[in-house]
Amino acid sequence: MKKILALLAISLTSLLVGCSDNSVPQEGQQYQQLPVNLATYRLPQVTEVFSLNCGHCRKMESVLPQLEELTNQSIGKIHVTFNESAQIGAMIYYAAEMQLGKKPDHDMMSELFAAVQMGDGSTLSDKKLAIDEAFHSRTLVSPYEFNEEQQAQLFKAMQLAQEITEKGQINSVPTFVVNGKYMILTSGHQDVEGIANTINYLINQP
């Protein structure tokens, strides 16, 4: 009888320990440290790294308001420049950000995602028209209409984004950088609540 009770006690202890461990995000599973500290770039405490061309990023955009509420953070944005299509997406995103003086709101981001990821059968002209409309409806200049000075400013913004992602060795999106030191592994989470839990944990790390 004593042996059975001892085994039950051990089992219960291991279950409790397991539950406790699982509630704390684990490095290598839910997040990892970046190879360099990106805090020198004065990033927002939580910054999303994304691409307008990425389907998963488009889905993430739909839950960002909830994530901001769960973390009590205004999440910043950095657009990657991995390849030619990502560079075009970055051009469109930073054209909006530099004119607004801040990240575009959720409605504009949704329109830009929809324009860039327009379905089969759409032409380049169709996409350009949708992008132009997203800018013109907000009295902004479309990136396709930029003068040389605006193009130079846009190029600098894209260069900075490329420098940040290269130094941080960020090779997949969407992800989040926290405190300039940690990168969220979104594949290690089942839902937005889990991502928020990891972000909140990392915000309080040194």
N, C-alpha and C. Protein backbone atom coordinates (compact mmCIF):
# COMPACT_ATOMS: atom_id res chain seq x y z
N MET A 1 0.84 -1.20 0.00
CA MET A 1 0.00 0.00 0.00
C MET A 1 0.88 1.26 0.00
N LYS A 2 1.93 1.24 0.87
CA LYS A 2 2.82 2.38 0.95
C LYS A 2 3.52 2.63 -0.38
N LYS A 3 3.87 1.52 -1.05
CA LYS A 3 4.55 1.63 -2.34
C LYS A 3 3.64 2.30 -3.37
N ILE A 4 2.36 1.91 -3.37
CA ILE A 4 1.39 2.48 -4.31
C ILE A 4 1.23 3.98 -4.04
N LEU A 5 1.10 4.34 -2.74
CA LEU A 5 0.95 5.74 -2.37
C LEU A 5 2.18 6.56 -2.78
N ALA A 6 3.36 5.97 -2.62
CA ALA A 6 4.60 6.65 -3.00
C ALA A 6 4.64 6.90 -4.50
N LEU A 7 4.22 5.88 -5.28
CA LEU A 7 4.20 6.02 -6.73
C LEU A 7 3.21 7.10 -7.17
N LEU A 8 2.06 7.12 -6.50
CA LEU A 8 1.05 8.14 -6.81
C LEU A 8 1.58 9.53 -6.51
N ALA A 9 2.29 9.65 -5.40
CA ALA A 9 2.85 10.94 -5.01
C ALA A 9 3.88 11.42 -6.04
N ILE A 10 4.72 10.49 -6.51
CA ILE A 10 5.73 10.83 -7.51
C ILE A 10 5.05 11.26 -8.82
N SER A 11 4.01 10.50 -9.20
CA SER A 11 3.29 10.81 -10.43
C SER A 11 2.66 12.19 -10.35
N LEU A 12 2.05 12.49 -9.21
CA LEU A 12 1.39 13.78 -9.03
C LEU A 12 2.40 14.92 -9.08
N THR A 13 3.55 14.69 -8.44
CA THR A 13 4.61 15.70 -8.45
C THR A 13 5.10 15.97 -9.86
N SER A 14 5.31 14.91 -10.63
CA SER A 14 5.81 15.08 -12.00
C SER A 14 4.78 15.78 -12.87
N LEU A 15 3.50 15.51 -12.62
CA LEU A 15 2.45 16.18 -13.39
C LEU A 15 2.44 17.67 -13.09
N LEU A 16 2.57 18.01 -11.81
CA LEU A 16 2.57 19.41 -11.41
C LEU A 16 3.77 20.15 -11.97
N VAL A 17 4.92 19.50 -11.92
CA VAL A 17 6.14 20.10 -12.46
C VAL A 17 6.00 20.29 -13.97
N GLY A 18 5.42 19.28 -14.63
CA GLY A 18 5.24 19.37 -16.07
C GLY A 18 4.34 20.54 -16.46
N CYS A 19 3.24 20.71 -15.73
CA CYS A 19 2.33 21.81 -16.00
C CYS A 19 3.01 23.15 -15.78
N SER A 20 3.79 23.21 -14.72
CA SER A 20 4.49 24.45 -14.40
C SER A 20 5.50 24.80 -15.49
N ASP A 21 6.28 23.82 -15.94
CA ASP A 21 7.29 24.05 -16.97
C ASP A 21 6.66 24.47 -18.28
N ASN A 22 5.53 23.84 -18.63
CA ASN A 22 4.89 24.11 -19.90
C ASN A 22 4.32 25.51 -20.00
N SER A 23 4.05 26.14 -18.85
CA SER A 23 3.47 27.48 -18.86
C SER A 23 4.54 28.55 -19.10
N VAL A 24 5.79 28.17 -18.95
CA VAL A 24 6.89 29.11 -19.17
C VAL A 24 7.47 28.88 -20.57
N PRO A 25 7.49 29.90 -21.43
CA PRO A 25 8.05 29.73 -22.77
C PRO A 25 9.49 29.22 -22.72
N GLN A 26 9.79 28.31 -23.62
CA GLN A 26 11.12 27.68 -23.64
C GLN A 26 11.95 28.20 -24.82
N GLU A 27 13.19 28.55 -24.53
CA GLU A 27 14.09 28.97 -25.60
C GLU A 27 14.35 27.81 -26.54
N GLY A 28 14.27 28.07 -27.83
CA GLY A 28 14.43 27.02 -28.83
C GLY A 28 13.11 26.41 -29.26
N GLN A 29 12.06 26.65 -28.47
CA GLN A 29 10.73 26.14 -28.83
C GLN A 29 9.76 27.28 -29.13
N GLN A 30 9.67 28.24 -28.21
CA GLN A 30 8.77 29.38 -28.41
C GLN A 30 9.52 30.66 -28.81
N TYR A 31 10.81 30.71 -28.54
CA TYR A 31 11.58 31.90 -28.89
C TYR A 31 13.06 31.55 -28.97
N GLN A 32 13.83 32.47 -29.52
CA GLN A 32 15.28 32.32 -29.52
C GLN A 32 15.93 33.69 -29.42
N GLN A 33 17.15 33.71 -28.92
CA GLN A 33 17.89 34.97 -28.83
C GLN A 33 18.46 35.32 -30.20
N LEU A 34 18.44 36.59 -30.53
CA LEU A 34 19.02 37.03 -31.78
C LEU A 34 20.55 37.07 -31.66
N PRO A 35 21.27 36.92 -32.76
CA PRO A 35 22.73 36.91 -32.70
C PRO A 35 23.33 38.26 -32.31
N VAL A 36 22.56 39.34 -32.54
CA VAL A 36 23.00 40.69 -32.14
C VAL A 36 21.82 41.39 -31.48
N ASN A 37 22.14 42.39 -30.67
CA ASN A 37 21.10 43.19 -30.02
C ASN A 37 20.68 44.31 -30.98
N LEU A 38 19.42 44.28 -31.38
CA LEU A 38 18.91 45.27 -32.33
C LEU A 38 18.35 46.51 -31.64
N ALA A 39 18.52 46.60 -30.33
CA ALA A 39 17.97 47.73 -29.58
C ALA A 39 18.57 49.06 -30.02
N THR A 40 19.77 49.01 -30.61
CA THR A 40 20.42 50.24 -31.06
C THR A 40 19.62 50.91 -32.18
N TYR A 41 18.73 50.16 -32.83
CA TYR A 41 17.90 50.72 -33.90
C TYR A 41 16.62 51.36 -33.35
N ARG A 42 16.50 51.36 -32.02
CA ARG A 42 15.35 51.97 -31.36
C ARG A 42 14.02 51.43 -31.87
N LEU A 43 13.97 50.13 -31.99
CA LEU A 43 12.74 49.47 -32.40
C LEU A 43 11.70 49.58 -31.29
N PRO A 44 10.42 49.57 -31.62
CA PRO A 44 9.41 49.44 -30.58
C PRO A 44 9.66 48.18 -29.76
N GLN A 45 9.18 48.15 -28.52
CA GLN A 45 9.46 47.01 -27.64
C GLN A 45 9.04 45.69 -28.28
N VAL A 46 7.95 45.70 -29.02
CA VAL A 46 7.52 44.53 -29.79
C VAL A 46 7.36 44.97 -31.25
N THR A 47 8.07 44.30 -32.14
CA THR A 47 8.06 44.66 -33.56
C THR A 47 7.79 43.43 -34.41
N GLU A 48 6.79 43.53 -35.27
CA GLU A 48 6.49 42.43 -36.20
C GLU A 48 7.40 42.54 -37.42
N VAL A 49 7.97 41.43 -37.83
CA VAL A 49 8.72 41.36 -39.07
C VAL A 49 7.85 40.58 -40.06
N PHE A 50 7.56 41.18 -41.21
CA PHE A 50 6.54 40.61 -42.10
C PHE A 50 6.84 40.94 -43.56
N SER A 51 5.98 40.44 -44.44
CA SER A 51 6.02 40.78 -45.86
C SER A 51 4.60 40.84 -46.40
N LEU A 52 4.32 41.82 -47.22
CA LEU A 52 2.99 41.93 -47.83
C LEU A 52 2.71 40.76 -48.77
N ASN A 53 3.75 40.07 -49.20
CA ASN A 53 3.59 38.94 -50.11
C ASN A 53 3.29 37.63 -49.39
N CYS A 54 3.37 37.63 -48.07
CA CYS A 54 3.27 36.41 -47.27
C CYS A 54 1.83 36.15 -46.82
N GLY A 55 1.30 34.98 -47.19
CA GLY A 55 -0.06 34.62 -46.81
C GLY A 55 -0.23 34.50 -45.31
N HIS A 56 0.77 33.94 -44.63
CA HIS A 56 0.71 33.80 -43.17
C HIS A 56 0.74 35.17 -42.49
N CYS A 57 1.48 36.11 -43.09
CA CYS A 57 1.54 37.47 -42.55
C CYS A 57 0.17 38.15 -42.67
N ARG A 58 -0.51 37.86 -43.76
CA ARG A 58 -1.86 38.42 -43.95
C ARG A 58 -2.81 37.91 -42.88
N LYS A 59 -2.70 36.62 -42.56
CA LYS A 59 -3.53 36.05 -41.49
C LYS A 59 -3.16 36.65 -40.14
N MET A 60 -1.86 36.86 -39.91
CA MET A 60 -1.41 37.45 -38.66
C MET A 60 -1.95 38.87 -38.50
N GLU A 61 -2.01 39.60 -39.61
CA GLU A 61 -2.53 40.97 -39.56
C GLU A 61 -3.94 41.01 -38.99
N SER A 62 -4.74 39.97 -39.28
CA SER A 62 -6.12 39.95 -38.82
C SER A 62 -6.25 39.78 -37.31
N VAL A 63 -5.18 39.25 -36.66
CA VAL A 63 -5.25 39.05 -35.21
C VAL A 63 -4.35 40.03 -34.44
N LEU A 64 -3.67 40.92 -35.17
CA LEU A 64 -2.79 41.87 -34.49
C LEU A 64 -3.52 42.76 -33.48
N PRO A 65 -4.74 43.23 -33.78
CA PRO A 65 -5.44 44.03 -32.76
C PRO A 65 -5.64 43.26 -31.46
N GLN A 66 -5.96 41.97 -31.57
CA GLN A 66 -6.12 41.14 -30.38
C GLN A 66 -4.79 40.97 -29.66
N LEU A 67 -3.72 40.77 -30.45
CA LEU A 67 -2.39 40.58 -29.86
C LEU A 67 -1.94 41.85 -29.14
N GLU A 68 -2.23 43.00 -29.72
CA GLU A 68 -1.87 44.26 -29.08
C GLU A 68 -2.62 44.44 -27.77
N GLU A 69 -3.86 44.00 -27.75
CA GLU A 69 -4.66 44.09 -26.53
C GLU A 69 -4.13 43.15 -25.45
N LEU A 70 -3.76 41.93 -25.84
CA LEU A 70 -3.27 40.94 -24.88
C LEU A 70 -1.90 41.29 -24.31
N THR A 71 -1.12 42.05 -25.07
CA THR A 71 0.23 42.41 -24.63
C THR A 71 0.34 43.85 -24.16
N ASN A 72 -0.74 44.61 -24.36
CA ASN A 72 -0.74 46.04 -24.01
C ASN A 72 0.41 46.77 -24.70
N GLN A 73 0.62 46.42 -25.98
CA GLN A 73 1.70 47.01 -26.77
C GLN A 73 1.17 47.54 -28.09
N SER A 74 1.77 48.63 -28.57
CA SER A 74 1.54 49.06 -29.93
C SER A 74 2.67 48.43 -30.75
N ILE A 75 2.33 47.43 -31.53
CA ILE A 75 3.35 46.62 -32.21
C ILE A 75 3.85 47.34 -33.46
N GLY A 76 5.18 47.51 -33.53
CA GLY A 76 5.80 48.14 -34.69
C GLY A 76 5.91 47.16 -35.85
N LYS A 77 6.43 47.64 -36.97
CA LYS A 77 6.54 46.79 -38.16
C LYS A 77 7.86 47.01 -38.88
N ILE A 78 8.41 45.91 -39.39
CA ILE A 78 9.56 45.95 -40.30
C ILE A 78 9.23 45.03 -41.47
N HIS A 79 9.37 45.55 -42.68
CA HIS A 79 9.10 44.74 -43.88
C HIS A 79 10.42 44.17 -44.40
N VAL A 80 10.44 42.87 -44.64
CA VAL A 80 11.66 42.22 -45.14
C VAL A 80 11.91 42.54 -46.61
N THR A 81 13.13 42.29 -47.05
CA THR A 81 13.52 42.53 -48.45
C THR A 81 14.27 41.30 -48.98
N PHE A 82 13.76 40.11 -48.66
CA PHE A 82 14.44 38.85 -48.98
C PHE A 82 14.74 38.69 -50.47
N ASN A 83 13.76 39.06 -51.30
CA ASN A 83 13.85 38.81 -52.73
C ASN A 83 13.12 39.92 -53.48
N GLU A 84 13.02 39.78 -54.79
CA GLU A 84 12.43 40.85 -55.60
C GLU A 84 10.98 41.14 -55.22
N SER A 85 10.18 40.10 -55.02
CA SER A 85 8.77 40.34 -54.67
C SER A 85 8.65 40.99 -53.30
N ALA A 86 9.50 40.58 -52.35
CA ALA A 86 9.49 41.19 -51.02
C ALA A 86 9.94 42.65 -51.10
N GLN A 87 10.88 42.94 -51.99
CA GLN A 87 11.36 44.31 -52.15
C GLN A 87 10.26 45.21 -52.70
N ILE A 88 9.45 44.68 -53.61
CA ILE A 88 8.32 45.45 -54.13
C ILE A 88 7.31 45.70 -53.01
N GLY A 89 7.06 44.67 -52.20
CA GLY A 89 6.16 44.82 -51.06
C GLY A 89 6.69 45.87 -50.08
N ALA A 90 8.00 45.85 -49.83
CA ALA A 90 8.63 46.82 -48.92
C ALA A 90 8.49 48.23 -49.46
N MET A 91 8.63 48.37 -50.77
CA MET A 91 8.48 49.68 -51.40
C MET A 91 7.08 50.23 -51.13
N ILE A 92 6.08 49.38 -51.27
CA ILE A 92 4.68 49.80 -51.05
C ILE A 92 4.45 50.14 -49.58
N TYR A 93 4.94 49.28 -48.69
CA TYR A 93 4.72 49.51 -47.26
C TYR A 93 5.39 50.79 -46.78
N TYR A 94 6.68 50.96 -47.10
CA TYR A 94 7.41 52.13 -46.62
C TYR A 94 6.96 53.42 -47.29
N ALA A 95 6.39 53.32 -48.48
CA ALA A 95 5.81 54.50 -49.12
C ALA A 95 4.65 55.03 -48.28
N ALA A 96 3.90 54.12 -47.67
CA ALA A 96 2.80 54.53 -46.80
C ALA A 96 3.33 55.04 -45.47
N GLU A 97 4.26 54.29 -44.87
CA GLU A 97 4.77 54.66 -43.54
C GLU A 97 5.45 56.03 -43.55
N MET A 98 6.25 56.30 -44.57
CA MET A 98 6.99 57.57 -44.59
C MET A 98 6.06 58.76 -44.78
N GLN A 99 4.94 58.58 -45.47
CA GLN A 99 4.00 59.68 -45.65
C GLN A 99 3.11 59.88 -44.42
N LEU A 100 2.77 58.79 -43.76
CA LEU A 100 1.92 58.87 -42.58
C LEU A 100 2.70 59.27 -41.33
N GLY A 101 4.01 58.99 -41.34
CA GLY A 101 4.83 59.26 -40.16
C GLY A 101 4.65 58.20 -39.09
N LYS A 102 4.03 57.11 -39.45
CA LYS A 102 3.79 56.00 -38.54
C LYS A 102 3.34 54.80 -39.36
N LYS A 103 3.17 53.64 -38.71
CA LYS A 103 2.70 52.48 -39.45
C LYS A 103 1.27 52.71 -39.93
N PRO A 104 0.91 52.18 -41.10
CA PRO A 104 -0.47 52.30 -41.57
C PRO A 104 -1.43 51.60 -40.61
N ASP A 105 -2.68 52.09 -40.56
CA ASP A 105 -3.64 51.44 -39.67
C ASP A 105 -4.08 50.10 -40.25
N HIS A 106 -4.86 49.37 -39.45
CA HIS A 106 -5.24 48.01 -39.81
C HIS A 106 -6.01 47.97 -41.13
N ASP A 107 -6.88 48.94 -41.36
CA ASP A 107 -7.69 48.95 -42.60
C ASP A 107 -6.81 49.12 -43.83
N MET A 108 -5.84 50.03 -43.74
CA MET A 108 -4.95 50.22 -44.90
C MET A 108 -4.08 49.00 -45.11
N MET A 109 -3.58 48.40 -44.01
CA MET A 109 -2.77 47.20 -44.16
C MET A 109 -3.57 46.09 -44.84
N SER A 110 -4.83 45.96 -44.47
CA SER A 110 -5.68 44.93 -45.08
C SER A 110 -5.83 45.17 -46.57
N GLU A 111 -5.98 46.44 -46.96
CA GLU A 111 -6.11 46.78 -48.38
C GLU A 111 -4.81 46.49 -49.13
N LEU A 112 -3.68 46.80 -48.51
CA LEU A 112 -2.39 46.55 -49.17
C LEU A 112 -2.13 45.05 -49.33
N PHE A 113 -2.45 44.28 -48.30
CA PHE A 113 -2.31 42.82 -48.42
C PHE A 113 -3.18 42.30 -49.55
N ALA A 114 -4.42 42.77 -49.60
CA ALA A 114 -5.36 42.30 -50.63
C ALA A 114 -4.87 42.66 -52.03
N ALA A 115 -4.29 43.86 -52.18
CA ALA A 115 -3.83 44.30 -53.49
C ALA A 115 -2.62 43.48 -53.94
N VAL A 116 -1.65 43.31 -53.05
CA VAL A 116 -0.44 42.58 -53.40
C VAL A 116 -0.72 41.10 -53.65
N GLN A 117 -1.65 40.53 -52.87
CA GLN A 117 -1.95 39.11 -52.99
C GLN A 117 -3.22 38.85 -53.80
N MET A 118 -3.50 39.71 -54.75
CA MET A 118 -4.67 39.55 -55.60
C MET A 118 -4.63 38.19 -56.29
N GLY A 119 -5.76 37.55 -56.38
CA GLY A 119 -5.84 36.17 -56.84
C GLY A 119 -5.50 35.92 -58.29
N ASP A 120 -5.59 34.65 -58.66
CA ASP A 120 -5.31 34.23 -60.04
C ASP A 120 -6.21 34.98 -61.02
N GLY A 121 -5.64 35.29 -62.17
CA GLY A 121 -6.42 35.99 -63.19
C GLY A 121 -6.22 37.48 -63.15
N SER A 122 -5.66 37.99 -62.03
CA SER A 122 -5.43 39.42 -61.92
C SER A 122 -4.15 39.79 -62.66
N THR A 123 -4.12 40.99 -63.18
CA THR A 123 -2.94 41.46 -63.92
C THR A 123 -2.15 42.44 -63.06
N LEU A 124 -0.95 42.77 -63.51
CA LEU A 124 -0.13 43.77 -62.82
C LEU A 124 -0.86 45.11 -62.79
N SER A 125 -1.62 45.38 -63.86
CA SER A 125 -2.39 46.61 -63.92
C SER A 125 -3.48 46.63 -62.85
N ASP A 126 -4.11 45.47 -62.62
CA ASP A 126 -5.15 45.36 -61.58
C ASP A 126 -4.54 45.63 -60.20
N LYS A 127 -3.38 45.06 -59.95
CA LYS A 127 -2.72 45.25 -58.65
C LYS A 127 -2.31 46.71 -58.46
N LYS A 128 -1.77 47.31 -59.51
CA LYS A 128 -1.35 48.71 -59.42
C LYS A 128 -2.55 49.60 -59.13
N LEU A 129 -3.66 49.33 -59.78
CA LEU A 129 -4.87 50.12 -59.57
C LEU A 129 -5.34 50.03 -58.12
N ALA A 130 -5.29 48.81 -57.56
CA ALA A 130 -5.71 48.62 -56.16
C ALA A 130 -4.77 49.32 -55.20
N ILE A 131 -3.48 49.27 -55.49
CA ILE A 131 -2.49 49.94 -54.64
C ILE A 131 -2.67 51.46 -54.72
N ASP A 132 -2.84 51.96 -55.95
CA ASP A 132 -3.08 53.39 -56.13
C ASP A 132 -4.29 53.84 -55.33
N GLU A 133 -5.35 53.05 -55.36
CA GLU A 133 -6.59 53.39 -54.66
C GLU A 133 -6.38 53.43 -53.15
N ALA A 134 -5.59 52.48 -52.62
CA ALA A 134 -5.33 52.45 -51.18
C ALA A 134 -4.63 53.74 -50.73
N PHE A 135 -3.78 54.29 -51.60
CA PHE A 135 -3.06 55.53 -51.27
C PHE A 135 -3.93 56.76 -51.55
N HIS A 136 -4.51 56.80 -52.74
CA HIS A 136 -5.28 57.99 -53.14
C HIS A 136 -6.49 58.23 -52.25
N SER A 137 -7.12 57.16 -51.78
CA SER A 137 -8.31 57.30 -50.93
C SER A 137 -7.96 57.93 -49.58
N ARG A 138 -6.68 57.96 -49.27
CA ARG A 138 -6.20 58.57 -48.02
C ARG A 138 -5.38 59.84 -48.30
N THR A 139 -5.55 60.35 -49.49
CA THR A 139 -4.83 61.55 -49.95
C THR A 139 -3.31 61.40 -49.83
N LEU A 140 -2.84 60.19 -50.10
CA LEU A 140 -1.41 59.91 -50.12
C LEU A 140 -0.95 59.71 -51.57
N VAL A 141 0.33 59.90 -51.80
CA VAL A 141 0.91 59.70 -53.13
C VAL A 141 1.25 58.23 -53.29
N SER A 142 0.83 57.64 -54.38
CA SER A 142 1.16 56.25 -54.65
C SER A 142 2.66 56.12 -54.89
N PRO A 143 3.27 55.01 -54.44
CA PRO A 143 4.72 54.83 -54.69
C PRO A 143 5.08 54.85 -56.16
N TYR A 144 4.11 54.56 -57.02
CA TYR A 144 4.36 54.58 -58.46
C TYR A 144 4.47 56.02 -58.98
N GLU A 145 4.11 56.99 -58.14
CA GLU A 145 4.12 58.40 -58.55
C GLU A 145 5.20 59.21 -57.83
N PHE A 146 6.08 58.55 -57.12
CA PHE A 146 7.10 59.23 -56.33
C PHE A 146 8.07 60.01 -57.22
N ASN A 147 8.47 61.19 -56.73
CA ASN A 147 9.53 61.94 -57.41
C ASN A 147 10.89 61.43 -56.92
N GLU A 148 11.97 62.01 -57.43
CA GLU A 148 13.31 61.51 -57.09
C GLU A 148 13.62 61.65 -55.61
N GLU A 149 13.21 62.74 -55.00
CA GLU A 149 13.46 62.95 -53.57
C GLU A 149 12.73 61.91 -52.73
N GLN A 150 11.48 61.64 -53.08
CA GLN A 150 10.70 60.62 -52.35
C GLN A 150 11.28 59.23 -52.56
N GLN A 151 11.74 58.97 -53.77
CA GLN A 151 12.37 57.67 -54.07
C GLN A 151 13.63 57.48 -53.23
N ALA A 152 14.41 58.53 -53.06
CA ALA A 152 15.64 58.44 -52.26
C ALA A 152 15.31 58.17 -50.80
N GLN A 153 14.27 58.82 -50.28
CA GLN A 153 13.85 58.60 -48.89
C GLN A 153 13.33 57.18 -48.71
N LEU A 154 12.59 56.71 -49.71
CA LEU A 154 12.06 55.35 -49.67
C LEU A 154 13.19 54.32 -49.69
N PHE A 155 14.20 54.57 -50.52
CA PHE A 155 15.34 53.66 -50.62
C PHE A 155 16.07 53.56 -49.28
N LYS A 156 16.22 54.69 -48.56
CA LYS A 156 16.87 54.67 -47.26
C LYS A 156 16.09 53.83 -46.25
N ALA A 157 14.77 53.94 -46.27
CA ALA A 157 13.92 53.16 -45.36
C ALA A 157 14.06 51.67 -45.63
N MET A 158 14.12 51.32 -46.91
CA MET A 158 14.26 49.91 -47.29
C MET A 158 15.65 49.39 -46.93
N GLN A 159 16.67 50.22 -47.09
CA GLN A 159 18.03 49.83 -46.72
C GLN A 159 18.14 49.55 -45.22
N LEU A 160 17.50 50.39 -44.42
CA LEU A 160 17.53 50.22 -42.97
C LEU A 160 16.84 48.92 -42.58
N ALA A 161 15.70 48.63 -43.20
CA ALA A 161 14.98 47.40 -42.91
C ALA A 161 15.82 46.18 -43.27
N GLN A 162 16.52 46.27 -44.41
CA GLN A 162 17.37 45.17 -44.84
C GLN A 162 18.53 44.96 -43.86
N GLU A 163 19.10 46.05 -43.39
CA GLU A 163 20.21 45.97 -42.44
C GLU A 163 19.78 45.31 -41.14
N ILE A 164 18.61 45.69 -40.65
CA ILE A 164 18.10 45.13 -39.40
C ILE A 164 17.85 43.63 -39.52
N THR A 165 17.18 43.23 -40.59
CA THR A 165 16.85 41.81 -40.74
C THR A 165 18.09 40.96 -41.02
N GLU A 166 19.07 41.53 -41.74
CA GLU A 166 20.30 40.79 -42.01
C GLU A 166 21.12 40.62 -40.73
N LYS A 167 21.25 41.68 -39.95
CA LYS A 167 22.02 41.58 -38.71
C LYS A 167 21.35 40.63 -37.72
N GLY A 168 20.03 40.65 -37.71
CA GLY A 168 19.30 39.76 -36.82
C GLY A 168 19.17 38.35 -37.36
N GLN A 169 19.62 38.14 -38.61
CA GLN A 169 19.52 36.84 -39.29
C GLN A 169 18.09 36.32 -39.25
N ILE A 170 17.16 37.20 -39.58
CA ILE A 170 15.74 36.85 -39.62
C ILE A 170 15.42 36.37 -41.02
N ASN A 171 15.11 35.09 -41.14
CA ASN A 171 14.96 34.48 -42.47
C ASN A 171 13.56 33.96 -42.76
N SER A 172 12.63 34.14 -41.82
CA SER A 172 11.26 33.69 -42.06
C SER A 172 10.29 34.65 -41.40
N VAL A 173 9.12 34.76 -42.01
CA VAL A 173 8.07 35.65 -41.50
C VAL A 173 6.72 34.90 -41.52
N PRO A 174 5.76 35.35 -40.69
CA PRO A 174 5.86 36.46 -39.75
C PRO A 174 6.56 36.04 -38.46
N THR A 175 7.17 37.01 -37.82
CA THR A 175 7.75 36.78 -36.50
C THR A 175 7.72 38.10 -35.75
N PHE A 176 8.15 38.07 -34.51
CA PHE A 176 8.16 39.28 -33.69
C PHE A 176 9.50 39.38 -32.98
N VAL A 177 10.03 40.59 -32.93
CA VAL A 177 11.25 40.87 -32.18
C VAL A 177 10.84 41.58 -30.89
N VAL A 178 11.34 41.09 -29.77
CA VAL A 178 10.99 41.65 -28.46
C VAL A 178 12.24 42.19 -27.79
N ASN A 179 12.16 43.43 -27.33
CA ASN A 179 13.29 44.10 -26.66
C ASN A 179 14.55 44.15 -27.51
N GLY A 180 14.41 43.95 -28.81
CA GLY A 180 15.56 43.97 -29.71
C GLY A 180 16.49 42.78 -29.56
N LYS A 181 16.12 41.84 -28.67
CA LYS A 181 17.02 40.73 -28.33
C LYS A 181 16.46 39.35 -28.62
N TYR A 182 15.14 39.24 -28.67
CA TYR A 182 14.51 37.92 -28.79
C TYR A 182 13.61 37.88 -30.02
N MET A 183 13.56 36.70 -30.65
CA MET A 183 12.68 36.49 -31.78
C MET A 183 11.68 35.39 -31.44
N ILE A 184 10.41 35.68 -31.68
CA ILE A 184 9.35 34.70 -31.43
C ILE A 184 9.37 33.64 -32.53
N LEU A 185 9.26 32.39 -32.14
CA LEU A 185 9.12 31.28 -33.10
C LEU A 185 7.62 30.99 -33.19
N THR A 186 6.97 31.58 -34.19
CA THR A 186 5.51 31.46 -34.28
C THR A 186 5.07 30.01 -34.47
N SER A 187 5.91 29.20 -35.10
CA SER A 187 5.56 27.79 -35.31
C SER A 187 5.48 27.01 -34.00
N GLY A 188 6.04 27.57 -32.94
CA GLY A 188 6.00 26.90 -31.64
C GLY A 188 4.78 27.26 -30.81
N HIS A 189 3.81 27.93 -31.45
CA HIS A 189 2.60 28.35 -30.74
C HIS A 189 1.36 27.84 -31.47
N GLN A 190 0.31 27.58 -30.69
CA GLN A 190 -0.93 27.07 -31.27
C GLN A 190 -1.93 28.16 -31.57
N ASP A 191 -1.83 29.30 -30.88
CA ASP A 191 -2.83 30.36 -31.06
C ASP A 191 -2.25 31.70 -30.65
N VAL A 192 -3.04 32.75 -30.85
CA VAL A 192 -2.59 34.10 -30.55
C VAL A 192 -2.35 34.30 -29.06
N GLU A 193 -3.12 33.59 -28.24
CA GLU A 193 -2.92 33.69 -26.79
C GLU A 193 -1.54 33.18 -26.40
N GLY A 194 -1.11 32.11 -27.06
CA GLY A 194 0.21 31.55 -26.79
C GLY A 194 1.32 32.51 -27.18
N ILE A 195 1.17 33.15 -28.34
CA ILE A 195 2.16 34.13 -28.79
C ILE A 195 2.21 35.29 -27.80
N ALA A 196 1.03 35.74 -27.36
CA ALA A 196 0.96 36.84 -26.40
C ALA A 196 1.65 36.46 -25.08
N ASN A 197 1.46 35.23 -24.66
CA ASN A 197 2.09 34.76 -23.42
C ASN A 197 3.62 34.82 -23.52
N THR A 198 4.15 34.39 -24.66
CA THR A 198 5.60 34.43 -24.85
C THR A 198 6.11 35.87 -24.92
N ILE A 199 5.39 36.72 -25.64
CA ILE A 199 5.78 38.13 -25.73
C ILE A 199 5.80 38.77 -24.34
N ASN A 200 4.75 38.54 -23.57
CA ASN A 200 4.68 39.12 -22.22
C ASN A 200 5.81 38.61 -21.33
N TYR A 201 6.16 37.33 -21.51
CA TYR A 201 7.27 36.76 -20.75
C TYR A 201 8.59 37.44 -21.12
N LEU A 202 8.83 37.61 -22.42
CA LEU A 202 10.09 38.17 -22.89
C LEU A 202 10.22 39.65 -22.60
N ILE A 203 9.11 40.37 -22.57
CA ILE A 203 9.15 41.80 -22.26
C ILE A 203 9.82 42.03 -20.89
N ASN A 204 9.61 41.08 -19.99
CA ASN A 204 10.13 41.22 -18.63
C ASN A 204 11.49 40.58 -18.42
N GLN A 205 12.08 40.08 -19.51
CA GLN A 205 13.41 39.49 -19.40
C GLN A 205 14.48 40.57 -19.55
N PRO A 206 15.62 40.41 -18.90
CA PRO A 206 16.69 41.42 -18.99
C PRO A 206 17.31 41.45 -20.38
